[in-house]
Amino acid sequence: MLKIANDIRPGSALTLIAMGVAMAGIFIADTVTDYAIAAAVFYTAVILVATRILSGTAVVALACICVALTLISFS
């Protein structure tokens, strides 16, 4: 089992909350916009921010979550 909760650096709670809000906003935008508009590209910014505060394992897990949100948005 992954120990993602232990991989978070101290003092980054506000950044994690902001990343969650950003991911929710990107998901909503990706869901309501036309297929031709690539709103899911903005998940890249969330992942780039995550590389500064999360470990490599946690970043990979976050990337998998972003991929899952993208796939759910298209269905």
C-alpha atoms as a PDB file:
ATOM      1  CA  MET A   1       0.000   0.000   0.000  1.00  0.00           C
ATOM      2  CA  LEU A   2       1.246   3.490  -0.817  1.00  0.00           C
ATOM      3  CA  LYS A   3       2.051   5.789   2.070  1.00  0.00           C
ATOM      4  CA  ILE A   4       1.061   8.986   0.311  1.00  0.00           C
ATOM      5  CA  ALA A   5      -0.104  10.760   3.466  1.00  0.00           C
ATOM      6  CA  ASN A   6       3.387  10.444   4.958  1.00  0.00           C
ATOM      7  CA  ASP A   7       4.993  11.827   1.797  1.00  0.00           C
ATOM      8  CA  ILE A   8       3.461  15.290   2.122  1.00  0.00           C
ATOM      9  CA  ARG A   9       5.853  17.999   3.227  1.00  0.00           C
ATOM     10  CA  PRO A  10       4.863  20.017   6.311  1.00  0.00           C
ATOM     11  CA  GLY A  11       3.179  23.393   5.811  1.00  0.00           C
ATOM     12  CA  SER A  12       1.673  22.564   2.455  1.00  0.00           C
ATOM     13  CA  ALA A  13      -1.959  22.065   3.494  1.00  0.00           C
ATOM     14  CA  LEU A  14      -3.153  25.282   1.845  1.00  0.00           C
ATOM     15  CA  THR A  15      -1.413  24.383  -1.401  1.00  0.00           C
ATOM     16  CA  LEU A  16      -3.003  20.925  -1.349  1.00  0.00           C
ATOM     17  CA  ILE A  17      -6.443  22.459  -0.833  1.00  0.00           C
ATOM     18  CA  ALA A  18      -5.819  24.866  -3.717  1.00  0.00           C
ATOM     19  CA  MET A  19      -4.735  21.961  -5.922  1.00  0.00           C
ATOM     20  CA  GLY A  20      -7.929  20.088  -5.063  1.00  0.00           C
ATOM     21  CA  VAL A  21     -10.049  23.132  -5.912  1.00  0.00           C
ATOM     22  CA  ALA A  22      -8.133  23.579  -9.172  1.00  0.00           C
ATOM     23  CA  MET A  23      -8.643  19.931 -10.082  1.00  0.00           C
ATOM     24  CA  ALA A  24     -12.379  20.234  -9.396  1.00  0.00           C
ATOM     25  CA  GLY A  25     -12.566  23.355 -11.552  1.00  0.00           C
ATOM     26  CA  ILE A  26     -10.652  21.720 -14.379  1.00  0.00           C
ATOM     27  CA  PHE A  27     -12.896  18.655 -14.180  1.00  0.00           C
ATOM     28  CA  ILE A  28     -16.037  20.807 -14.382  1.00  0.00           C
ATOM     29  CA  ALA A  29     -14.617  22.860 -17.257  1.00  0.00           C
ATOM     30  CA  ASP A  30     -13.554  19.719 -19.092  1.00  0.00           C
ATOM     31  CA  THR A  31     -16.970  18.157 -18.607  1.00  0.00           C
ATOM     32  CA  VAL A  32     -19.088  21.099 -19.770  1.00  0.00           C
ATOM     33  CA  THR A  33     -16.930  22.272 -22.684  1.00  0.00           C
ATOM     34  CA  ASP A  34     -16.937  20.863 -26.182  1.00  0.00           C
ATOM     35  CA  TYR A  35     -14.779  17.864 -27.045  1.00  0.00           C
ATOM     36  CA  ALA A  36     -12.578  20.038 -29.274  1.00  0.00           C
ATOM     37  CA  ILE A  37     -11.502  22.200 -26.320  1.00  0.00           C
ATOM     38  CA  ALA A  38      -8.659  20.513 -24.445  1.00  0.00           C
ATOM     39  CA  ALA A  39      -9.367  21.734 -20.914  1.00  0.00           C
ATOM     40  CA  ALA A  40      -7.697  18.644 -19.439  1.00  0.00           C
ATOM     41  CA  VAL A  41      -4.318  20.092 -20.436  1.00  0.00           C
ATOM     42  CA  PHE A  42      -4.553  22.315 -17.356  1.00  0.00           C
ATOM     43  CA  TYR A  43      -4.077  19.272 -15.118  1.00  0.00           C
ATOM     44  CA  THR A  44      -0.421  19.680 -16.103  1.00  0.00           C
ATOM     45  CA  ALA A  45      -0.190  22.812 -13.961  1.00  0.00           C
ATOM     46  CA  VAL A  46      -1.554  20.928 -10.947  1.00  0.00           C
ATOM     47  CA  ILE A  47       0.999  18.162 -11.427  1.00  0.00           C
ATOM     48  CA  LEU A  48       3.832  20.676 -11.802  1.00  0.00           C
ATOM     49  CA  VAL A  49       2.851  22.351  -8.524  1.00  0.00           C
ATOM     50  CA  ALA A  50       2.641  18.927  -6.880  1.00  0.00           C
ATOM     51  CA  THR A  51       6.247  18.149  -7.785  1.00  0.00           C
ATOM     52  CA  ARG A  52       7.344  20.913  -5.422  1.00  0.00           C
ATOM     53  CA  ILE A  53       5.504  19.631  -2.342  1.00  0.00           C
ATOM     54  CA  LEU A  54       4.868  15.901  -2.844  1.00  0.00           C
ATOM     55  CA  SER A  55       7.163  12.923  -3.209  1.00  0.00           C
ATOM     56  CA  GLY A  56       7.567  11.096  -6.494  1.00  0.00           C
ATOM     57  CA  THR A  57       5.160   8.356  -5.456  1.00  0.00           C
ATOM     58  CA  ALA A  58       2.487  10.883  -4.518  1.00  0.00           C
ATOM     59  CA  VAL A  59       2.964  12.777  -7.798  1.00  0.00           C
ATOM     60  CA  VAL A  60       2.473   9.557  -9.774  1.00  0.00           C
ATOM     61  CA  ALA A  61      -0.686   8.836  -7.774  1.00  0.00           C
ATOM     62  CA  LEU A  62      -1.944  12.382  -8.444  1.00  0.00           C
ATOM     63  CA  ALA A  63      -1.218  11.974 -12.153  1.00  0.00           C
ATOM     64  CA  CYS A  64      -3.258   8.756 -12.163  1.00  0.00           C
ATOM     65  CA  ILE A  65      -6.128  10.614 -10.498  1.00  0.00           C
ATOM     66  CA  CYS A  66      -5.926  13.329 -13.166  1.00  0.00           C
ATOM     67  CA  VAL A  67      -6.022  10.707 -15.918  1.00  0.00           C
ATOM     68  CA  ALA A  68      -9.042   9.086 -14.273  1.00  0.00           C
ATOM     69  CA  LEU A  69     -10.835  12.441 -14.025  1.00  0.00           C
ATOM     70  CA  THR A  70     -10.128  13.071 -17.705  1.00  0.00           C
ATOM     71  CA  LEU A  71     -11.547   9.686 -18.693  1.00  0.00           C
ATOM     72  CA  ILE A  72     -14.623  10.168 -16.501  1.00  0.00           C
ATOM     73  CA  SER A  73     -15.161  13.595 -18.063  1.00  0.00           C
ATOM     74  CA  PHE A  74     -15.272  12.120 -21.568  1.00  0.00           C
ATOM     75  CA  SER A  75     -17.777   9.413 -20.715  1.00  0.00           C
END
